[in-house]
């Protein structure tokens, strides 16, 4: 008795072709150009041994009281402050001067704009 899918599977599988590779130098396909092979670099030793929670947390300058830093002070003359912008003050509000009337809505115009 034949397998159920045997009539659909008449071609060889993808591994049956055995094409030569296009990357690297070993067994390279001779009909294609060989590009230079690049190395991933050398392995370097870690200059500082980090013992701690991980690379995202830098704890070298931390103490049990917080960050270890010297207090900084500004030893220069105080710069002049920029004046406040001139504008209406709180006493300038007067609702009686507001123009109350019918609002005219301008619709879109379709035509040539005069210069």
N, C-alpha and C. Protein backbone atom coordinates (compact mmCIF):
# COMPACT_ATOMS: atom_id res chain seq x y z
N UNK A 1 0.85 -1.17 0.00
CA UNK A 1 0.00 0.00 0.00
C UNK A 1 0.90 1.24 0.00
N UNK A 2 0.62 2.17 -0.86
CA UNK A 2 1.43 3.38 -1.00
C UNK A 2 1.03 4.39 0.08
N UNK A 3 1.95 5.30 0.35
CA UNK A 3 1.65 6.34 1.33
C UNK A 3 0.59 7.28 0.78
N UNK A 4 -0.09 7.98 1.67
CA UNK A 4 -1.21 8.84 1.29
C UNK A 4 -0.74 9.97 0.38
N UNK A 5 0.34 10.63 0.68
CA UNK A 5 0.80 11.78 -0.09
C UNK A 5 1.83 11.43 -1.15
N UNK A 6 1.98 10.16 -1.53
CA UNK A 6 3.04 9.78 -2.45
C UNK A 6 2.83 10.31 -3.86
N UNK A 7 1.59 10.48 -4.30
CA UNK A 7 1.38 10.97 -5.67
C UNK A 7 1.72 12.46 -5.80
N UNK A 8 1.72 13.20 -4.69
CA UNK A 8 2.07 14.62 -4.72
C UNK A 8 3.56 14.85 -4.54
N UNK A 9 4.27 13.87 -4.00
CA UNK A 9 5.68 14.05 -3.64
C UNK A 9 6.55 13.27 -4.62
N UNK A 10 6.62 13.68 -5.88
CA UNK A 10 7.40 12.98 -6.89
C UNK A 10 8.79 13.60 -7.09
N UNK A 11 9.05 14.79 -6.56
CA UNK A 11 10.35 15.44 -6.75
C UNK A 11 11.23 15.20 -5.53
N UNK A 12 12.56 15.31 -5.73
CA UNK A 12 13.45 15.13 -4.57
C UNK A 12 13.35 16.30 -3.61
N UNK A 13 13.76 16.10 -2.40
CA UNK A 13 13.70 17.14 -1.39
C UNK A 13 14.77 18.21 -1.61
N UNK A 14 14.74 19.27 -0.81
CA UNK A 14 15.70 20.36 -1.01
C UNK A 14 17.13 19.96 -0.70
N UNK A 15 17.35 18.94 0.09
CA UNK A 15 18.70 18.53 0.45
C UNK A 15 19.32 17.63 -0.62
N UNK A 16 18.55 17.20 -1.61
CA UNK A 16 19.06 16.28 -2.62
C UNK A 16 19.87 16.99 -3.69
N UNK A 17 19.81 18.29 -3.80
CA UNK A 17 20.49 19.00 -4.88
C UNK A 17 21.98 19.16 -4.64
N UNK A 18 22.40 19.36 -3.41
CA UNK A 18 23.81 19.48 -3.03
C UNK A 18 24.53 20.56 -3.83
N UNK A 19 24.00 21.78 -3.85
CA UNK A 19 24.62 22.89 -4.54
C UNK A 19 25.84 23.37 -3.75
N UNK A 20 26.89 23.81 -4.44
CA UNK A 20 28.05 24.33 -3.71
C UNK A 20 27.70 25.66 -3.05
N UNK A 21 28.30 25.96 -1.92
CA UNK A 21 27.96 27.20 -1.22
C UNK A 21 28.56 28.42 -1.92
N UNK A 22 27.97 29.59 -1.66
CA UNK A 22 28.46 30.85 -2.21
C UNK A 22 29.19 31.69 -1.18
N UNK A 23 29.23 31.24 0.06
CA UNK A 23 29.92 31.98 1.11
C UNK A 23 31.14 31.19 1.55
N UNK A 24 32.19 31.90 1.90
CA UNK A 24 33.40 31.25 2.37
C UNK A 24 34.29 30.80 1.22
N UNK A 25 35.40 30.14 1.55
CA UNK A 25 36.36 29.68 0.55
C UNK A 25 36.30 28.18 0.33
N UNK A 26 35.83 27.43 1.31
CA UNK A 26 35.80 25.98 1.17
C UNK A 26 34.66 25.56 0.25
N UNK A 27 34.98 24.76 -0.75
CA UNK A 27 34.00 24.19 -1.70
C UNK A 27 33.14 25.28 -2.33
N UNK A 28 33.73 26.41 -2.64
CA UNK A 28 32.99 27.54 -3.21
C UNK A 28 32.59 27.22 -4.65
N UNK A 29 31.45 27.71 -5.08
CA UNK A 29 30.97 27.52 -6.45
C UNK A 29 31.91 28.26 -7.40
N UNK A 30 32.51 27.54 -8.36
CA UNK A 30 33.51 28.15 -9.23
C UNK A 30 32.89 29.05 -10.29
N UNK A 31 31.59 28.98 -10.49
CA UNK A 31 30.94 29.83 -11.49
C UNK A 31 30.59 31.21 -10.92
N UNK A 32 30.81 31.44 -9.66
CA UNK A 32 30.51 32.72 -9.01
C UNK A 32 31.79 33.36 -8.49
N UNK A 33 31.78 34.69 -8.32
CA UNK A 33 32.93 35.42 -7.80
C UNK A 33 33.09 35.14 -6.31
N UNK A 34 34.35 35.08 -5.88
CA UNK A 34 34.65 34.94 -4.45
C UNK A 34 34.87 36.32 -3.87
N UNK A 35 34.08 36.71 -2.93
CA UNK A 35 34.29 37.97 -2.23
C UNK A 35 35.18 37.72 -1.02
N UNK A 36 35.88 38.74 -0.54
CA UNK A 36 36.75 38.51 0.62
C UNK A 36 35.95 38.13 1.85
N UNK A 37 36.51 37.24 2.62
CA UNK A 37 35.87 36.80 3.85
C UNK A 37 36.33 37.70 4.98
N UNK A 38 35.42 38.21 5.74
CA UNK A 38 35.74 39.10 6.84
C UNK A 38 35.65 38.34 8.15
N UNK A 39 36.58 38.62 9.03
CA UNK A 39 36.54 37.99 10.34
C UNK A 39 35.70 38.84 11.27
N UNK A 40 35.28 38.27 12.36
CA UNK A 40 34.45 38.97 13.32
C UNK A 40 35.28 39.77 14.31
N UNK A 41 36.59 39.74 14.21
CA UNK A 41 37.43 40.49 15.13
C UNK A 41 38.05 39.56 16.16
N UNK A 42 38.93 40.12 16.96
CA UNK A 42 39.59 39.32 17.98
C UNK A 42 38.84 39.45 19.30
N UNK A 43 38.98 38.47 20.11
CA UNK A 43 38.35 38.49 21.42
C UNK A 43 39.27 39.22 22.39
N UNK A 44 38.75 40.23 23.03
CA UNK A 44 39.54 41.01 23.98
C UNK A 44 39.09 40.70 25.39
N UNK A 45 40.01 40.82 26.31
CA UNK A 45 39.66 40.61 27.72
C UNK A 45 38.99 41.87 28.25
N UNK A 46 38.12 41.70 29.18
CA UNK A 46 37.45 42.83 29.79
C UNK A 46 38.45 43.58 30.66
N UNK A 47 38.56 44.89 30.44
CA UNK A 47 39.56 45.67 31.17
C UNK A 47 39.20 45.84 32.64
N UNK A 48 37.94 45.95 32.93
CA UNK A 48 37.50 46.09 34.32
C UNK A 48 36.56 44.93 34.61
N UNK A 49 36.79 44.30 35.72
CA UNK A 49 35.91 43.21 36.08
C UNK A 49 34.71 43.78 36.80
N UNK A 50 33.56 43.63 36.20
CA UNK A 50 32.33 44.17 36.77
C UNK A 50 31.66 43.09 37.62
N UNK A 51 31.55 43.37 38.86
CA UNK A 51 30.82 42.48 39.75
C UNK A 51 29.62 43.27 40.23
N UNK A 52 28.48 42.89 39.80
CA UNK A 52 27.29 43.64 40.17
C UNK A 52 26.06 43.10 39.46
N UNK A 53 25.02 43.90 39.43
CA UNK A 53 23.76 43.42 38.89
C UNK A 53 23.75 43.24 37.38
N UNK A 54 24.62 43.89 36.64
CA UNK A 54 24.63 43.71 35.19
C UNK A 54 25.22 44.92 34.51
N UNK A 55 25.35 44.86 33.18
CA UNK A 55 25.99 45.97 32.47
C UNK A 55 25.14 47.23 32.42
N UNK A 56 23.85 47.14 32.64
CA UNK A 56 22.99 48.33 32.56
C UNK A 56 23.11 49.19 33.81
N UNK A 57 23.58 48.63 34.90
CA UNK A 57 23.66 49.36 36.15
C UNK A 57 25.12 49.61 36.50
N UNK A 58 25.53 50.86 36.48
CA UNK A 58 26.90 51.20 36.83
C UNK A 58 26.92 51.59 38.31
N UNK A 59 27.57 50.78 39.13
CA UNK A 59 27.53 51.01 40.58
C UNK A 59 28.91 51.36 41.14
N UNK A 60 29.85 51.77 40.28
CA UNK A 60 31.19 52.06 40.79
C UNK A 60 31.19 53.27 41.71
N UNK A 61 30.38 54.27 41.43
CA UNK A 61 30.38 55.51 42.22
C UNK A 61 29.21 55.57 43.19
N UNK A 62 28.70 54.45 43.60
CA UNK A 62 27.59 54.42 44.55
C UNK A 62 28.10 53.96 45.91
N UNK A 63 27.60 54.60 46.95
CA UNK A 63 27.88 54.18 48.31
C UNK A 63 26.56 53.80 48.96
N UNK A 64 26.61 53.44 50.22
CA UNK A 64 25.35 53.10 50.88
C UNK A 64 24.53 54.33 51.20
N UNK A 65 25.13 55.53 51.04
CA UNK A 65 24.40 56.77 51.30
C UNK A 65 23.91 57.43 50.01
N UNK A 66 24.26 56.90 48.87
CA UNK A 66 23.86 57.48 47.59
C UNK A 66 25.07 57.63 46.68
N UNK A 67 24.98 58.54 45.73
CA UNK A 67 26.07 58.75 44.80
C UNK A 67 27.25 59.43 45.49
N UNK A 68 28.45 58.99 45.13
CA UNK A 68 29.67 59.58 45.69
C UNK A 68 30.14 60.69 44.77
N UNK A 69 29.96 61.94 45.19
CA UNK A 69 30.42 63.08 44.40
C UNK A 69 30.76 64.21 45.35
N UNK A 70 31.58 65.10 44.88
CA UNK A 70 31.93 66.27 45.66
C UNK A 70 30.86 67.33 45.49
N UNK A 71 30.54 68.07 46.55
CA UNK A 71 29.55 69.13 46.39
C UNK A 71 30.12 70.23 45.50
N UNK A 72 29.31 70.71 44.60
CA UNK A 72 29.77 71.74 43.66
C UNK A 72 29.12 73.07 44.01
N UNK A 73 29.90 74.13 43.86
CA UNK A 73 29.38 75.48 44.07
C UNK A 73 29.76 76.32 42.88
N UNK A 74 29.00 77.36 42.65
CA UNK A 74 29.27 78.27 41.56
C UNK A 74 30.03 79.46 42.12
N UNK A 75 31.26 79.65 41.70
CA UNK A 75 32.09 80.72 42.22
C UNK A 75 32.23 81.84 41.19
N UNK A 76 31.16 82.36 40.75
CA UNK A 76 31.19 83.45 39.79
C UNK A 76 30.18 84.51 40.18
N UNK A 77 30.16 85.59 39.42
CA UNK A 77 29.19 86.64 39.75
C UNK A 77 27.82 86.22 39.26
N UNK A 78 26.84 86.73 39.91
CA UNK A 78 25.46 86.41 39.57
C UNK A 78 25.08 87.17 38.31
N UNK A 79 24.53 86.48 37.36
CA UNK A 79 24.15 87.10 36.11
C UNK A 79 22.84 87.85 36.28
N UNK A 80 22.68 88.90 35.50
CA UNK A 80 21.45 89.69 35.56
C UNK A 80 20.30 88.87 35.00
N UNK A 81 19.16 88.98 35.65
CA UNK A 81 18.00 88.24 35.19
C UNK A 81 17.34 89.00 34.05
N UNK A 82 16.76 88.27 33.17
CA UNK A 82 16.07 88.88 32.03
C UNK A 82 14.72 89.38 32.53
N UNK A 83 14.34 90.59 32.11
CA UNK A 83 13.09 91.18 32.56
C UNK A 83 11.87 90.39 32.08
N UNK A 84 10.79 90.58 32.77
CA UNK A 84 9.56 89.89 32.39
C UNK A 84 9.01 90.51 31.11
N UNK A 85 8.37 89.73 30.28
CA UNK A 85 7.81 90.30 29.05
C UNK A 85 6.65 91.23 29.38
N UNK A 86 6.59 92.32 28.64
CA UNK A 86 5.51 93.28 28.85
C UNK A 86 4.23 92.74 28.23
N UNK A 87 3.19 92.75 28.98
CA UNK A 87 1.90 92.27 28.50
C UNK A 87 0.80 92.80 29.38
N UNK A 88 -0.41 92.48 29.08
CA UNK A 88 -1.51 92.98 29.91
C UNK A 88 -1.47 92.33 31.29
N UNK A 89 -1.71 93.13 32.28
CA UNK A 89 -1.73 92.63 33.65
C UNK A 89 -3.10 92.10 34.02
N UNK A 90 -3.29 91.68 35.27
CA UNK A 90 -4.58 91.14 35.67
C UNK A 90 -5.69 92.19 35.68
N UNK A 91 -5.35 93.48 35.80
CA UNK A 91 -6.38 94.51 35.81
C UNK A 91 -6.83 94.92 34.42
N UNK A 92 -6.21 94.39 33.39
CA UNK A 92 -6.55 94.78 32.03
C UNK A 92 -7.73 94.00 31.47
N UNK A 93 -8.23 93.04 32.21
CA UNK A 93 -9.35 92.24 31.73
C UNK A 93 -10.63 93.05 31.85
N UNK A 94 -11.32 93.26 30.75
CA UNK A 94 -12.57 94.00 30.74
C UNK A 94 -13.51 93.34 29.74
N UNK A 95 -14.47 92.54 30.23
CA UNK A 95 -15.37 91.86 29.30
C UNK A 95 -16.33 92.81 28.59
N UNK A 96 -16.49 94.06 29.08
CA UNK A 96 -17.40 95.00 28.41
C UNK A 96 -16.85 95.46 27.06
N UNK A 97 -15.57 95.38 26.85
CA UNK A 97 -14.98 95.81 25.59
C UNK A 97 -15.03 94.73 24.51
N UNK A 98 -15.50 93.56 24.87
CA UNK A 98 -15.58 92.45 23.93
C UNK A 98 -16.68 92.72 22.93
N UNK A 99 -16.39 92.58 21.65
CA UNK A 99 -17.39 92.78 20.61
C UNK A 99 -18.25 91.53 20.53
N UNK A 100 -19.53 91.71 20.79
CA UNK A 100 -20.46 90.59 20.74
C UNK A 100 -21.34 90.81 19.52
N UNK A 101 -21.43 89.86 18.70
CA UNK A 101 -22.25 89.99 17.51
C UNK A 101 -22.34 88.65 16.80
N UNK A 102 -22.88 88.70 15.61
CA UNK A 102 -23.05 87.50 14.82
C UNK A 102 -21.69 87.11 14.23
N UNK A 103 -21.37 85.86 14.34
CA UNK A 103 -20.11 85.36 13.82
C UNK A 103 -20.32 84.96 12.37
N UNK A 104 -19.51 85.49 11.50
CA UNK A 104 -19.61 85.18 10.09
C UNK A 104 -18.57 84.11 9.77
N UNK A 105 -19.05 82.96 9.35
CA UNK A 105 -18.15 81.88 8.97
C UNK A 105 -17.84 82.00 7.49
N UNK A 106 -16.60 81.95 7.16
CA UNK A 106 -16.19 82.04 5.77
C UNK A 106 -15.98 80.63 5.25
N UNK A 107 -16.69 80.29 4.21
CA UNK A 107 -16.58 78.97 3.61
C UNK A 107 -15.45 78.92 2.59
N UNK A 108 -15.22 77.75 2.06
CA UNK A 108 -14.15 77.63 1.06
C UNK A 108 -14.55 78.31 -0.24
N UNK A 109 -13.58 78.89 -0.91
CA UNK A 109 -13.82 79.54 -2.19
C UNK A 109 -13.13 78.74 -3.28
N UNK A 110 -13.79 78.66 -4.40
CA UNK A 110 -13.23 77.94 -5.54
C UNK A 110 -13.10 78.92 -6.69
N UNK A 111 -11.96 79.44 -6.88
CA UNK A 111 -11.75 80.40 -7.94
C UNK A 111 -10.31 80.86 -7.96
N UNK A 112 -10.04 81.84 -8.78
CA UNK A 112 -8.70 82.37 -8.90
C UNK A 112 -8.54 83.52 -7.92
N UNK A 113 -7.49 83.48 -7.17
CA UNK A 113 -7.23 84.51 -6.18
C UNK A 113 -6.60 85.73 -6.85
N UNK A 114 -7.16 86.93 -6.64
CA UNK A 114 -6.55 88.11 -7.26
C UNK A 114 -5.24 88.46 -6.56
N UNK A 115 -4.28 88.88 -7.33
CA UNK A 115 -2.98 89.22 -6.75
C UNK A 115 -2.95 90.62 -6.21
